[in-house]
């Protein structure tokens, strides 16, 4: 086994190590708006559920080197306090990827990607109509792990409303064969969720 001391390596190398080892990662396709009402869409693969009672999800945005260290998403959730997590399916993964481009804050990524804004019920940011699962969220907490380049800032959100497309439901459960969610691997590689196996939890 190779031993790696993170203190002895640049943070960019540690990022590659983390994203290559912690796989597959689900994608939070986060929609926000800024104080002027300009929509924003961005994907985040540092994403997970934190609690079911109450329902809470979180995603992490990375501090970038350079004059603009924070993504527009972070600025927007700080200003507005609301966001929507949209789950990404294979059918629109290519359009999701378009929103990962570095563009000016005044650019509307709905227009950039050709995705369709759908009004939310309880929060101001729109949902992505092409997504089969939406979570309308109110910011619970923003936690700065590190404000250094390649550091992380975690956004926790209380889920105020779930929206689930009937097309991906099998009874009361989401059917993974119908949802066809995608996840991230390392570098530019994504993964489909078609090849699965079951194991019963020991009693």
C-alpha atoms as a PDB file:
ATOM      1  CA  UNK A   1       0.000   0.000   0.000  1.00  0.00           C
ATOM      2  CA  UNK A   2       1.282   3.463  -0.841  1.00  0.00           C
ATOM      3  CA  UNK A   3       1.229   5.859   2.094  1.00  0.00           C
ATOM      4  CA  UNK A   4       0.256   9.439   1.263  1.00  0.00           C
ATOM      5  CA  UNK A   5       0.640  12.292   3.698  1.00  0.00           C
ATOM      6  CA  UNK A   6      -1.664  15.122   2.516  1.00  0.00           C
ATOM      7  CA  UNK A   7       0.629  17.657   4.169  1.00  0.00           C
ATOM      8  CA  UNK A   8       3.324  16.712   1.654  1.00  0.00           C
ATOM      9  CA  UNK A   9       1.264  17.154  -1.513  1.00  0.00           C
ATOM     10  CA  UNK A  10      -0.444  20.081  -3.269  1.00  0.00           C
ATOM     11  CA  UNK A  11      -4.172  20.349  -2.606  1.00  0.00           C
ATOM     12  CA  UNK A  12      -4.877  19.786  -6.325  1.00  0.00           C
ATOM     13  CA  UNK A  13      -3.301  16.328  -6.051  1.00  0.00           C
ATOM     14  CA  UNK A  14      -5.334  15.549  -2.935  1.00  0.00           C
ATOM     15  CA  UNK A  15      -8.492  16.628  -4.797  1.00  0.00           C
ATOM     16  CA  UNK A  16      -7.731  14.072  -7.527  1.00  0.00           C
ATOM     17  CA  UNK A  17      -7.100  11.410  -4.896  1.00  0.00           C
ATOM     18  CA  UNK A  18     -10.379  12.120  -3.111  1.00  0.00           C
ATOM     19  CA  UNK A  19     -12.497  12.256  -6.282  1.00  0.00           C
ATOM     20  CA  UNK A  20     -10.879   9.091  -7.594  1.00  0.00           C
ATOM     21  CA  UNK A  21     -11.405   7.132  -4.384  1.00  0.00           C
ATOM     22  CA  UNK A  22     -14.802   8.352  -3.178  1.00  0.00           C
ATOM     23  CA  UNK A  23     -16.944   7.005  -6.009  1.00  0.00           C
ATOM     24  CA  UNK A  24     -19.552   7.012  -7.306  1.00  0.00           C
ATOM     25  CA  UNK A  25     -20.803  10.366  -6.066  1.00  0.00           C
ATOM     26  CA  UNK A  26     -24.406  11.509  -6.567  1.00  0.00           C
ATOM     27  CA  UNK A  27     -24.949  14.873  -8.208  1.00  0.00           C
ATOM     28  CA  UNK A  28     -26.885  17.763  -6.700  1.00  0.00           C
ATOM     29  CA  UNK A  29     -28.001  19.902  -9.616  1.00  0.00           C
ATOM     30  CA  UNK A  30     -28.617  23.081  -7.640  1.00  0.00           C
ATOM     31  CA  UNK A  31     -30.817  25.906  -8.847  1.00  0.00           C
ATOM     32  CA  UNK A  32     -30.636  29.324  -7.182  1.00  0.00           C
ATOM     33  CA  UNK A  33     -31.345  32.962  -7.945  1.00  0.00           C
ATOM     34  CA  UNK A  34     -29.409  36.084  -7.060  1.00  0.00           C
ATOM     35  CA  UNK A  35     -30.704  39.232  -5.395  1.00  0.00           C
ATOM     36  CA  UNK A  36     -31.699  40.613  -8.806  1.00  0.00           C
ATOM     37  CA  UNK A  37     -33.646  37.487  -9.713  1.00  0.00           C
ATOM     38  CA  UNK A  38     -31.118  36.056 -12.197  1.00  0.00           C
ATOM     39  CA  UNK A  39     -31.330  32.235 -12.207  1.00  0.00           C
ATOM     40  CA  UNK A  40     -28.306  30.002 -11.749  1.00  0.00           C
ATOM     41  CA  UNK A  41     -27.766  26.282 -12.233  1.00  0.00           C
ATOM     42  CA  UNK A  42     -24.679  24.331 -11.163  1.00  0.00           C
ATOM     43  CA  UNK A  43     -23.836  20.666 -10.472  1.00  0.00           C
ATOM     44  CA  UNK A  44     -22.120  19.543  -7.260  1.00  0.00           C
ATOM     45  CA  UNK A  45     -20.839  16.016  -6.673  1.00  0.00           C
ATOM     46  CA  UNK A  46     -19.954  16.594  -3.033  1.00  0.00           C
ATOM     47  CA  UNK A  47     -23.585  15.916  -2.088  1.00  0.00           C
ATOM     48  CA  UNK A  48     -25.487  13.765   0.376  1.00  0.00           C
ATOM     49  CA  UNK A  49     -28.500  13.378   2.640  1.00  0.00           C
ATOM     50  CA  UNK A  50     -27.874  14.273   6.295  1.00  0.00           C
ATOM     51  CA  UNK A  51     -31.157  13.577   8.063  1.00  0.00           C
ATOM     52  CA  UNK A  52     -34.634  12.206   7.457  1.00  0.00           C
ATOM     53  CA  UNK A  53     -36.293  13.772  10.492  1.00  0.00           C
ATOM     54  CA  UNK A  54     -36.244  16.576   9.596  1.00  0.00           C
ATOM     55  CA  UNK A  55     -35.215  15.950   5.979  1.00  0.00           C
ATOM     56  CA  UNK A  56     -31.894  17.725   5.395  1.00  0.00           C
ATOM     57  CA  UNK A  57     -29.492  17.550   2.470  1.00  0.00           C
ATOM     58  CA  UNK A  58     -26.110  19.152   1.959  1.00  0.00           C
ATOM     59  CA  UNK A  59     -23.715  19.955  -0.834  1.00  0.00           C
ATOM     60  CA  UNK A  60     -20.189  21.326  -0.719  1.00  0.00           C
ATOM     61  CA  UNK A  61     -18.722  24.008  -2.944  1.00  0.00           C
ATOM     62  CA  UNK A  62     -14.963  24.233  -3.416  1.00  0.00           C
ATOM     63  CA  UNK A  63     -12.977  27.428  -2.922  1.00  0.00           C
ATOM     64  CA  UNK A  64     -11.313  28.226  -6.229  1.00  0.00           C
ATOM     65  CA  UNK A  65      -7.891  29.831  -6.617  1.00  0.00           C
ATOM     66  CA  UNK A  66      -7.879  33.254  -8.240  1.00  0.00           C
ATOM     67  CA  UNK A  67      -9.818  36.498  -7.941  1.00  0.00           C
ATOM     68  CA  UNK A  68     -13.277  34.832  -7.855  1.00  0.00           C
ATOM     69  CA  UNK A  69     -12.971  32.105  -5.212  1.00  0.00           C
ATOM     70  CA  UNK A  70     -16.682  31.383  -4.763  1.00  0.00           C
ATOM     71  CA  UNK A  71     -19.234  30.024  -7.198  1.00  0.00           C
ATOM     72  CA  UNK A  72     -22.376  32.043  -7.875  1.00  0.00           C
ATOM     73  CA  UNK A  73     -24.375  29.316  -6.131  1.00  0.00           C
ATOM     74  CA  UNK A  74     -22.751  30.105  -2.793  1.00  0.00           C
ATOM     75  CA  UNK A  75     -23.275  33.845  -3.195  1.00  0.00           C
ATOM     76  CA  UNK A  76     -26.920  33.216  -4.057  1.00  0.00           C
ATOM     77  CA  UNK A  77     -27.722  30.916  -1.134  1.00  0.00           C
ATOM     78  CA  UNK A  78     -26.083  33.405   1.215  1.00  0.00           C
ATOM     79  CA  UNK A  79     -28.160  36.242  -0.216  1.00  0.00           C
ATOM     80  CA  UNK A  80     -31.508  34.475  -0.679  1.00  0.00           C
ATOM     81  CA  UNK A  81     -31.359  31.546   1.754  1.00  0.00           C
ATOM     82  CA  UNK A  82     -33.093  29.125  -0.613  1.00  0.00           C
ATOM     83  CA  UNK A  83     -32.202  26.578  -3.286  1.00  0.00           C
ATOM     84  CA  UNK A  84     -33.537  23.559  -5.138  1.00  0.00           C
ATOM     85  CA  UNK A  85     -31.747  20.240  -5.570  1.00  0.00           C
ATOM     86  CA  UNK A  86     -32.667  18.583  -8.869  1.00  0.00           C
ATOM     87  CA  UNK A  87     -31.647  14.948  -9.449  1.00  0.00           C
ATOM     88  CA  UNK A  88     -29.832  14.316 -12.729  1.00  0.00           C
ATOM     89  CA  UNK A  89     -30.977  11.531 -15.069  1.00  0.00           C
ATOM     90  CA  UNK A  90     -29.172  10.215 -18.147  1.00  0.00           C
ATOM     91  CA  UNK A  91     -31.573  11.868 -20.557  1.00  0.00           C
ATOM     92  CA  UNK A  92     -30.366  15.386 -19.768  1.00  0.00           C
ATOM     93  CA  UNK A  93     -26.859  14.754 -18.400  1.00  0.00           C
ATOM     94  CA  UNK A  94     -25.286  16.482 -21.409  1.00  0.00           C
ATOM     95  CA  UNK A  95     -27.272  19.647 -20.729  1.00  0.00           C
ATOM     96  CA  UNK A  96     -26.409  19.507 -17.031  1.00  0.00           C
ATOM     97  CA  UNK A  97     -22.742  19.387 -18.027  1.00  0.00           C
ATOM     98  CA  UNK A  98     -23.103  22.659 -19.970  1.00  0.00           C
ATOM     99  CA  UNK A  99     -23.866  24.463 -16.704  1.00  0.00           C
ATOM    100  CA  UNK A 100     -20.477  23.464 -15.248  1.00  0.00           C
ATOM    101  CA  UNK A 101     -18.820  26.090 -17.486  1.00  0.00           C
ATOM    102  CA  UNK A 102     -17.330  29.158 -15.815  1.00  0.00           C
ATOM    103  CA  UNK A 103     -19.572  32.011 -16.953  1.00  0.00           C
ATOM    104  CA  UNK A 104     -20.372  35.507 -15.703  1.00  0.00           C
ATOM    105  CA  UNK A 105     -22.945  35.869 -12.892  1.00  0.00           C
ATOM    106  CA  UNK A 106     -25.428  37.557 -15.222  1.00  0.00           C
ATOM    107  CA  UNK A 107     -25.624  34.448 -17.449  1.00  0.00           C
ATOM    108  CA  UNK A 108     -28.829  32.440 -17.028  1.00  0.00           C
ATOM    109  CA  UNK A 109     -27.775  28.762 -17.099  1.00  0.00           C
ATOM    110  CA  UNK A 110     -31.335  27.687 -17.894  1.00  0.00           C
ATOM    111  CA  UNK A 111     -30.970  29.522 -21.193  1.00  0.00           C
ATOM    112  CA  UNK A 112     -27.368  28.379 -21.618  1.00  0.00           C
ATOM    113  CA  UNK A 113     -28.301  24.715 -21.245  1.00  0.00           C
ATOM    114  CA  UNK A 114     -31.728  24.739 -22.872  1.00  0.00           C
ATOM    115  CA  UNK A 115     -33.275  23.327 -19.694  1.00  0.00           C
ATOM    116  CA  UNK A 116     -36.739  24.441 -18.609  1.00  0.00           C
ATOM    117  CA  UNK A 117     -37.421  26.469 -15.436  1.00  0.00           C
ATOM    118  CA  UNK A 118     -40.449  25.300 -13.484  1.00  0.00           C
ATOM    119  CA  UNK A 119     -41.817  27.499 -10.685  1.00  0.00           C
ATOM    120  CA  UNK A 120     -41.325  26.153  -7.189  1.00  0.00           C
ATOM    121  CA  UNK A 121     -44.098  26.183  -4.601  1.00  0.00           C
ATOM    122  CA  UNK A 122     -42.310  27.347  -1.446  1.00  0.00           C
ATOM    123  CA  UNK A 123     -38.973  28.837  -2.535  1.00  0.00           C
ATOM    124  CA  UNK A 124     -37.973  31.464  -5.089  1.00  0.00           C
ATOM    125  CA  UNK A 125     -35.489  29.495  -7.239  1.00  0.00           C
ATOM    126  CA  UNK A 126     -37.062  27.519 -10.079  1.00  0.00           C
ATOM    127  CA  UNK A 127     -36.940  23.761 -10.434  1.00  0.00           C
ATOM    128  CA  UNK A 128     -35.560  21.972 -13.514  1.00  0.00           C
ATOM    129  CA  UNK A 129     -38.574  20.612 -15.369  1.00  0.00           C
ATOM    130  CA  UNK A 130     -36.549  17.841 -17.025  1.00  0.00           C
ATOM    131  CA  UNK A 131     -35.536  16.428 -13.627  1.00  0.00           C
ATOM    132  CA  UNK A 132     -37.749  13.706 -12.163  1.00  0.00           C
ATOM    133  CA  UNK A 133     -37.043  14.571  -8.512  1.00  0.00           C
ATOM    134  CA  UNK A 134     -36.868  18.062  -6.961  1.00  0.00           C
ATOM    135  CA  UNK A 135     -36.196  19.130  -3.387  1.00  0.00           C
ATOM    136  CA  UNK A 136     -37.147  22.674  -2.436  1.00  0.00           C
ATOM    137  CA  UNK A 137     -34.767  23.727   0.323  1.00  0.00           C
ATOM    138  CA  UNK A 138     -34.270  26.495   2.849  1.00  0.00           C
ATOM    139  CA  UNK A 139     -30.727  27.075   4.075  1.00  0.00           C
ATOM    140  CA  UNK A 140     -30.231  25.651   7.563  1.00  0.00           C
ATOM    141  CA  UNK A 141     -26.514  26.341   7.963  1.00  0.00           C
ATOM    142  CA  UNK A 142     -23.446  27.243   5.918  1.00  0.00           C
ATOM    143  CA  UNK A 143     -20.284  25.743   7.356  1.00  0.00           C
ATOM    144  CA  UNK A 144     -16.829  26.815   6.202  1.00  0.00           C
ATOM    145  CA  UNK A 145     -14.379  23.920   6.459  1.00  0.00           C
ATOM    146  CA  UNK A 146     -11.561  25.928   4.889  1.00  0.00           C
ATOM    147  CA  UNK A 147     -11.421  29.228   3.024  1.00  0.00           C
ATOM    148  CA  UNK A 148      -8.093  28.298   1.407  1.00  0.00           C
ATOM    149  CA  UNK A 149      -7.867  27.332  -2.307  1.00  0.00           C
ATOM    150  CA  UNK A 150      -9.454  23.881  -2.769  1.00  0.00           C
ATOM    151  CA  UNK A 151     -11.042  24.211   0.676  1.00  0.00           C
ATOM    152  CA  UNK A 152     -14.713  23.460   1.136  1.00  0.00           C
ATOM    153  CA  UNK A 153     -17.867  25.259   2.234  1.00  0.00           C
ATOM    154  CA  UNK A 154     -20.873  23.067   3.073  1.00  0.00           C
ATOM    155  CA  UNK A 155     -24.449  24.254   2.551  1.00  0.00           C
ATOM    156  CA  UNK A 156     -27.097  22.422   4.596  1.00  0.00           C
ATOM    157  CA  UNK A 157     -30.721  22.766   3.565  1.00  0.00           C
ATOM    158  CA  UNK A 158     -34.025  21.740   5.116  1.00  0.00           C
ATOM    159  CA  UNK A 159     -36.181  20.086   2.466  1.00  0.00           C
ATOM    160  CA  UNK A 160     -39.502  21.917   2.565  1.00  0.00           C
ATOM    161  CA  UNK A 161     -41.096  20.073  -0.351  1.00  0.00           C
ATOM    162  CA  UNK A 162     -40.312  17.011  -2.464  1.00  0.00           C
ATOM    163  CA  UNK A 163     -41.594  16.670  -6.022  1.00  0.00           C
ATOM    164  CA  UNK A 164     -41.385  13.198  -7.574  1.00  0.00           C
ATOM    165  CA  UNK A 165     -42.456  12.439 -11.134  1.00  0.00           C
ATOM    166  CA  UNK A 166     -45.068   9.672 -11.239  1.00  0.00           C
ATOM    167  CA  UNK A 167     -43.127   8.217 -14.201  1.00  0.00           C
ATOM    168  CA  UNK A 168     -40.270   7.087 -11.928  1.00  0.00           C
ATOM    169  CA  UNK A 169     -42.433   5.632  -9.166  1.00  0.00           C
ATOM    170  CA  UNK A 170     -43.151   1.959  -8.659  1.00  0.00           C
ATOM    171  CA  UNK A 171     -45.875   2.036  -6.039  1.00  0.00           C
ATOM    172  CA  UNK A 172     -44.589   4.429  -3.380  1.00  0.00           C
ATOM    173  CA  UNK A 173     -40.901   3.897  -4.157  1.00  0.00           C
ATOM    174  CA  UNK A 174     -38.597   5.510  -6.695  1.00  0.00           C
ATOM    175  CA  UNK A 175     -37.599   2.850  -9.241  1.00  0.00           C
ATOM    176  CA  UNK A 176     -33.894   3.220 -10.119  1.00  0.00           C
ATOM    177  CA  UNK A 177     -34.498   1.675 -13.549  1.00  0.00           C
ATOM    178  CA  UNK A 178     -36.961   4.459 -14.290  1.00  0.00           C
ATOM    179  CA  UNK A 179     -35.008   7.278 -12.652  1.00  0.00           C
ATOM    180  CA  UNK A 180     -31.738   6.397 -14.463  1.00  0.00           C
ATOM    181  CA  UNK A 181     -29.714   8.708 -12.233  1.00  0.00           C
ATOM    182  CA  UNK A 182     -26.077   9.418 -13.043  1.00  0.00           C
ATOM    183  CA  UNK A 183     -23.115   9.945 -10.728  1.00  0.00           C
ATOM    184  CA  UNK A 184     -19.562  11.262 -10.844  1.00  0.00           C
ATOM    185  CA  UNK A 185     -16.324   9.366 -10.876  1.00  0.00           C
ATOM    186  CA  UNK A 186     -12.880  11.007 -11.070  1.00  0.00           C
ATOM    187  CA  UNK A 187     -11.970  13.532 -13.772  1.00  0.00           C
ATOM    188  CA  UNK A 188     -14.485  13.828 -16.638  1.00  0.00           C
ATOM    189  CA  UNK A 189     -15.980  10.371 -16.031  1.00  0.00           C
ATOM    190  CA  UNK A 190     -19.614   9.770 -15.089  1.00  0.00           C
ATOM    191  CA  UNK A 191     -21.406   6.557 -14.164  1.00  0.00           C
ATOM    192  CA  UNK A 192     -24.812   5.088 -14.907  1.00  0.00           C
ATOM    193  CA  UNK A 193     -26.794   3.344 -12.169  1.00  0.00           C
ATOM    194  CA  UNK A 194     -28.008   0.351 -14.168  1.00  0.00           C
ATOM    195  CA  UNK A 195     -25.690  -2.372 -12.874  1.00  0.00           C
ATOM    196  CA  UNK A 196     -26.741  -3.113  -9.296  1.00  0.00           C
ATOM    197  CA  UNK A 197     -26.874  -6.005  -6.834  1.00  0.00           C
ATOM    198  CA  UNK A 198     -28.743  -6.597  -3.568  1.00  0.00           C
ATOM    199  CA  UNK A 199     -27.479  -7.770  -0.201  1.00  0.00           C
ATOM    200  CA  UNK A 200     -29.787  -8.317   2.752  1.00  0.00           C
ATOM    201  CA  UNK A 201     -28.713  -6.516   5.926  1.00  0.00           C
ATOM    202  CA  UNK A 202     -27.678  -9.002   8.637  1.00  0.00           C
ATOM    203  CA  UNK A 203     -30.112  -9.368  11.531  1.00  0.00           C
END
